[in-house]
Amino acid sequence: MAYGQKILKGDAYKRAAIKRRHIRIRKHISGTAERPRLVVTRSNRHIVAQVIDDIKGHTLASASTLDTAIRGGEGDKSAQAKSVGALVAERAKAAGVEAVVFDRGGNQYAGRIAALADAAREAGLKF
């Protein structure tokens, strides 16, 4: 262990591992104007999806469980993730985006992340 490095335990260790994975993934994934990046950020309560053009540094579309269209919706967190996926796909298509590069944000492609991705695909986004 390097001098001054902090030992992480529990949830802090998990969050640090997710952040390390995301940094490693971002070295290979980048969004363009033709094919922007669909980024998924997950917390214990909420899930956020953004369609980002990395060249310009602009967010083209976004949706989350904090949006008024979804907030307070019925169902478990996976059902809410499906709603977020459908909504971000609808908003992306309205912004003229047909295909994206999927960035799972260092999270495992399972559960809520997979539910969001499947809903976005069903709504017409290609990735």
C-alpha atoms as a PDB file:
ATOM      1  CA  MET A   1       0.000   0.000   0.000  1.00  0.00           C
ATOM      2  CA  ALA A   2       1.273   3.452  -0.895  1.00  0.00           C
ATOM      3  CA  TYR A   3       2.067   5.913   1.831  1.00  0.00           C
ATOM      4  CA  GLY A   4      -0.981   7.939   2.823  1.00  0.00           C
ATOM      5  CA  GLN A   5      -3.433   5.677   1.005  1.00  0.00           C
ATOM      6  CA  LYS A   6      -6.683   5.202   2.891  1.00  0.00           C
ATOM      7  CA  ILE A   7      -8.102   1.753   3.569  1.00  0.00           C
ATOM      8  CA  LEU A   8     -11.736   1.637   2.459  1.00  0.00           C
ATOM      9  CA  LYS A   9     -14.358  -0.633   3.972  1.00  0.00           C
ATOM     10  CA  GLY A  10     -17.920  -1.613   3.117  1.00  0.00           C
ATOM     11  CA  ASP A  11     -19.889   0.693   0.856  1.00  0.00           C
ATOM     12  CA  ALA A  12     -16.977   3.077   0.342  1.00  0.00           C
ATOM     13  CA  TYR A  13     -14.966   0.186  -1.087  1.00  0.00           C
ATOM     14  CA  LYS A  14     -17.803  -0.740  -3.463  1.00  0.00           C
ATOM     15  CA  ARG A  15     -18.230   2.862  -4.668  1.00  0.00           C
ATOM     16  CA  ALA A  16     -14.467   3.187  -5.200  1.00  0.00           C
ATOM     17  CA  ALA A  17     -14.444  -0.059  -7.217  1.00  0.00           C
ATOM     18  CA  ILE A  18     -17.330   1.184  -9.391  1.00  0.00           C
ATOM     19  CA  LYS A  19     -15.503   4.478  -9.960  1.00  0.00           C
ATOM     20  CA  ARG A  20     -12.280   2.649 -10.932  1.00  0.00           C
ATOM     21  CA  ARG A  21     -14.199   0.466 -13.401  1.00  0.00           C
ATOM     22  CA  HIS A  22     -15.928   3.500 -14.896  1.00  0.00           C
ATOM     23  CA  ILE A  23     -12.612   5.292 -15.412  1.00  0.00           C
ATOM     24  CA  ARG A  24     -11.180   2.182 -17.065  1.00  0.00           C
ATOM     25  CA  ILE A  25     -14.245   1.833 -19.343  1.00  0.00           C
ATOM     26  CA  ARG A  26     -14.196   5.531 -20.305  1.00  0.00           C
ATOM     27  CA  LYS A  27     -10.720   5.090 -21.810  1.00  0.00           C
ATOM     28  CA  HIS A  28     -12.372   3.035 -24.565  1.00  0.00           C
ATOM     29  CA  ILE A  29     -15.872   4.555 -24.857  1.00  0.00           C
ATOM     30  CA  SER A  30     -16.554   7.995 -26.277  1.00  0.00           C
ATOM     31  CA  GLY A  31     -19.653   9.559 -27.792  1.00  0.00           C
ATOM     32  CA  THR A  32     -19.795  11.538 -31.031  1.00  0.00           C
ATOM     33  CA  ALA A  33     -22.486  13.649 -32.648  1.00  0.00           C
ATOM     34  CA  GLU A  34     -23.538  10.709 -34.856  1.00  0.00           C
ATOM     35  CA  ARG A  35     -23.410   8.171 -32.021  1.00  0.00           C
ATOM     36  CA  PRO A  36     -23.531   9.806 -28.575  1.00  0.00           C
ATOM     37  CA  ARG A  37     -22.894   8.024 -25.291  1.00  0.00           C
ATOM     38  CA  LEU A  38     -25.816   6.780 -23.170  1.00  0.00           C
ATOM     39  CA  VAL A  39     -24.527   7.037 -19.588  1.00  0.00           C
ATOM     40  CA  VAL A  40     -26.291   5.315 -16.704  1.00  0.00           C
ATOM     41  CA  THR A  41     -25.728   6.464 -13.118  1.00  0.00           C
ATOM     42  CA  ARG A  42     -27.243   4.388 -10.333  1.00  0.00           C
ATOM     43  CA  SER A  43     -27.730   5.089  -6.644  1.00  0.00           C
ATOM     44  CA  ASN A  44     -29.603   3.174  -3.979  1.00  0.00           C
ATOM     45  CA  ARG A  45     -32.846   5.047  -4.676  1.00  0.00           C
ATOM     46  CA  HIS A  46     -32.564   6.579  -8.116  1.00  0.00           C
ATOM     47  CA  ILE A  47     -31.274   5.954 -11.627  1.00  0.00           C
ATOM     48  CA  VAL A  48     -30.236   8.602 -14.144  1.00  0.00           C
ATOM     49  CA  ALA A  49     -29.658   8.214 -17.887  1.00  0.00           C
ATOM     50  CA  GLN A  50     -28.041  10.862 -20.090  1.00  0.00           C
ATOM     51  CA  VAL A  51     -27.249  10.967 -23.806  1.00  0.00           C
ATOM     52  CA  ILE A  52     -23.982  12.903 -24.140  1.00  0.00           C
ATOM     53  CA  ASP A  53     -22.000  14.181 -27.121  1.00  0.00           C
ATOM     54  CA  ASP A  54     -18.447  14.024 -25.726  1.00  0.00           C
ATOM     55  CA  ILE A  55     -16.896  16.062 -28.539  1.00  0.00           C
ATOM     56  CA  LYS A  56     -19.010  19.141 -27.790  1.00  0.00           C
ATOM     57  CA  GLY A  57     -19.498  18.251 -24.123  1.00  0.00           C
ATOM     58  CA  HIS A  58     -23.283  18.655 -24.371  1.00  0.00           C
ATOM     59  CA  THR A  59     -26.083  16.585 -22.900  1.00  0.00           C
ATOM     60  CA  LEU A  60     -28.589  15.924 -25.679  1.00  0.00           C
ATOM     61  CA  ALA A  61     -31.265  14.172 -23.613  1.00  0.00           C
ATOM     62  CA  SER A  62     -31.715  12.950 -20.069  1.00  0.00           C
ATOM     63  CA  ALA A  63     -34.211  11.189 -17.834  1.00  0.00           C
ATOM     64  CA  SER A  64     -34.235  10.022 -14.234  1.00  0.00           C
ATOM     65  CA  THR A  65     -36.490   8.755 -11.515  1.00  0.00           C
ATOM     66  CA  LEU A  66     -36.479  12.336 -10.193  1.00  0.00           C
ATOM     67  CA  ASP A  67     -38.403  13.559 -13.278  1.00  0.00           C
ATOM     68  CA  THR A  68     -42.006  14.527 -12.653  1.00  0.00           C
ATOM     69  CA  ALA A  69     -43.120  12.108 -15.389  1.00  0.00           C
ATOM     70  CA  ILE A  70     -41.733   9.138 -13.427  1.00  0.00           C
ATOM     71  CA  ARG A  71     -41.442  10.303  -9.805  1.00  0.00           C
ATOM     72  CA  GLY A  72     -43.856   8.565  -7.481  1.00  0.00           C
ATOM     73  CA  GLY A  73     -44.568   5.927 -10.095  1.00  0.00           C
ATOM     74  CA  GLU A  74     -45.785   2.518  -9.094  1.00  0.00           C
ATOM     75  CA  GLY A  75     -43.574  -0.539  -9.080  1.00  0.00           C
ATOM     76  CA  ASP A  76     -40.179  -1.530  -7.830  1.00  0.00           C
ATOM     77  CA  LYS A  77     -36.852   0.025  -8.807  1.00  0.00           C
ATOM     78  CA  SER A  78     -36.510  -2.202 -11.881  1.00  0.00           C
ATOM     79  CA  ALA A  79     -39.894  -1.053 -13.175  1.00  0.00           C
ATOM     80  CA  GLN A  80     -38.860   2.553 -12.638  1.00  0.00           C
ATOM     81  CA  ALA A  81     -35.591   1.869 -14.506  1.00  0.00           C
ATOM     82  CA  LYS A  82     -37.662   0.582 -17.455  1.00  0.00           C
ATOM     83  CA  SER A  83     -39.657   3.823 -17.395  1.00  0.00           C
ATOM     84  CA  VAL A  84     -36.428   5.855 -17.390  1.00  0.00           C
ATOM     85  CA  GLY A  85     -35.092   3.834 -20.333  1.00  0.00           C
ATOM     86  CA  ALA A  86     -38.231   4.388 -22.384  1.00  0.00           C
ATOM     87  CA  LEU A  87     -38.313   8.102 -21.530  1.00  0.00           C
ATOM     88  CA  VAL A  88     -34.640   8.743 -22.359  1.00  0.00           C
ATOM     89  CA  ALA A  89     -35.069   6.899 -25.677  1.00  0.00           C
ATOM     90  CA  GLU A  90     -38.126   9.014 -26.510  1.00  0.00           C
ATOM     91  CA  ARG A  91     -36.283  12.242 -25.664  1.00  0.00           C
ATOM     92  CA  ALA A  92     -33.167  11.144 -27.580  1.00  0.00           C
ATOM     93  CA  LYS A  93     -35.206  10.366 -30.686  1.00  0.00           C
ATOM     94  CA  ALA A  94     -36.868  13.779 -30.388  1.00  0.00           C
ATOM     95  CA  ALA A  95     -33.357  15.290 -30.352  1.00  0.00           C
ATOM     96  CA  GLY A  96     -32.521  13.391 -33.557  1.00  0.00           C
ATOM     97  CA  VAL A  97     -30.473  10.551 -32.047  1.00  0.00           C
ATOM     98  CA  GLU A  98     -31.045   7.053 -33.441  1.00  0.00           C
ATOM     99  CA  ALA A  99     -27.950   5.128 -32.246  1.00  0.00           C
ATOM    100  CA  VAL A 100     -25.880   5.403 -29.065  1.00  0.00           C
ATOM    101  CA  VAL A 101     -22.872   3.866 -27.348  1.00  0.00           C
ATOM    102  CA  PHE A 102     -23.914   2.321 -24.023  1.00  0.00           C
ATOM    103  CA  ASP A 103     -21.865   3.288 -20.948  1.00  0.00           C
ATOM    104  CA  ARG A 104     -22.965   1.255 -17.934  1.00  0.00           C
ATOM    105  CA  GLY A 105     -21.012   3.515 -15.603  1.00  0.00           C
ATOM    106  CA  GLY A 106     -18.899   0.799 -13.998  1.00  0.00           C
ATOM    107  CA  ASN A 107     -21.989  -1.076 -12.836  1.00  0.00           C
ATOM    108  CA  GLN A 108     -22.683  -4.697 -13.628  1.00  0.00           C
ATOM    109  CA  TYR A 109     -24.928  -5.237 -16.677  1.00  0.00           C
ATOM    110  CA  ALA A 110     -27.730  -6.823 -14.672  1.00  0.00           C
ATOM    111  CA  GLY A 111     -30.842  -5.799 -12.779  1.00  0.00           C
ATOM    112  CA  ARG A 112     -31.761  -2.142 -13.137  1.00  0.00           C
ATOM    113  CA  ILE A 113     -28.994  -1.379 -15.645  1.00  0.00           C
ATOM    114  CA  ALA A 114     -30.149  -4.187 -17.956  1.00  0.00           C
ATOM    115  CA  ALA A 115     -33.816  -3.195 -17.502  1.00  0.00           C
ATOM    116  CA  LEU A 116     -33.055   0.383 -18.535  1.00  0.00           C
ATOM    117  CA  ALA A 117     -31.019  -0.754 -21.553  1.00  0.00           C
ATOM    118  CA  ASP A 118     -33.701  -3.203 -22.713  1.00  0.00           C
ATOM    119  CA  ALA A 119     -36.429  -0.558 -22.411  1.00  0.00           C
ATOM    120  CA  ALA A 120     -34.342   1.930 -24.400  1.00  0.00           C
ATOM    121  CA  ARG A 121     -33.801  -0.685 -27.127  1.00  0.00           C
ATOM    122  CA  GLU A 122     -37.517  -1.499 -27.239  1.00  0.00           C
ATOM    123  CA  ALA A 123     -38.287   2.227 -27.566  1.00  0.00           C
ATOM    124  CA  GLY A 124     -36.107   2.400 -30.681  1.00  0.00           C
ATOM    125  CA  LEU A 125     -32.545   3.301 -29.671  1.00  0.00           C
ATOM    126  CA  LYS A 126     -29.872   1.190 -31.350  1.00  0.00           C
ATOM    127  CA  PHE A 127     -26.813  -0.021 -29.423  1.00  0.00           C
END
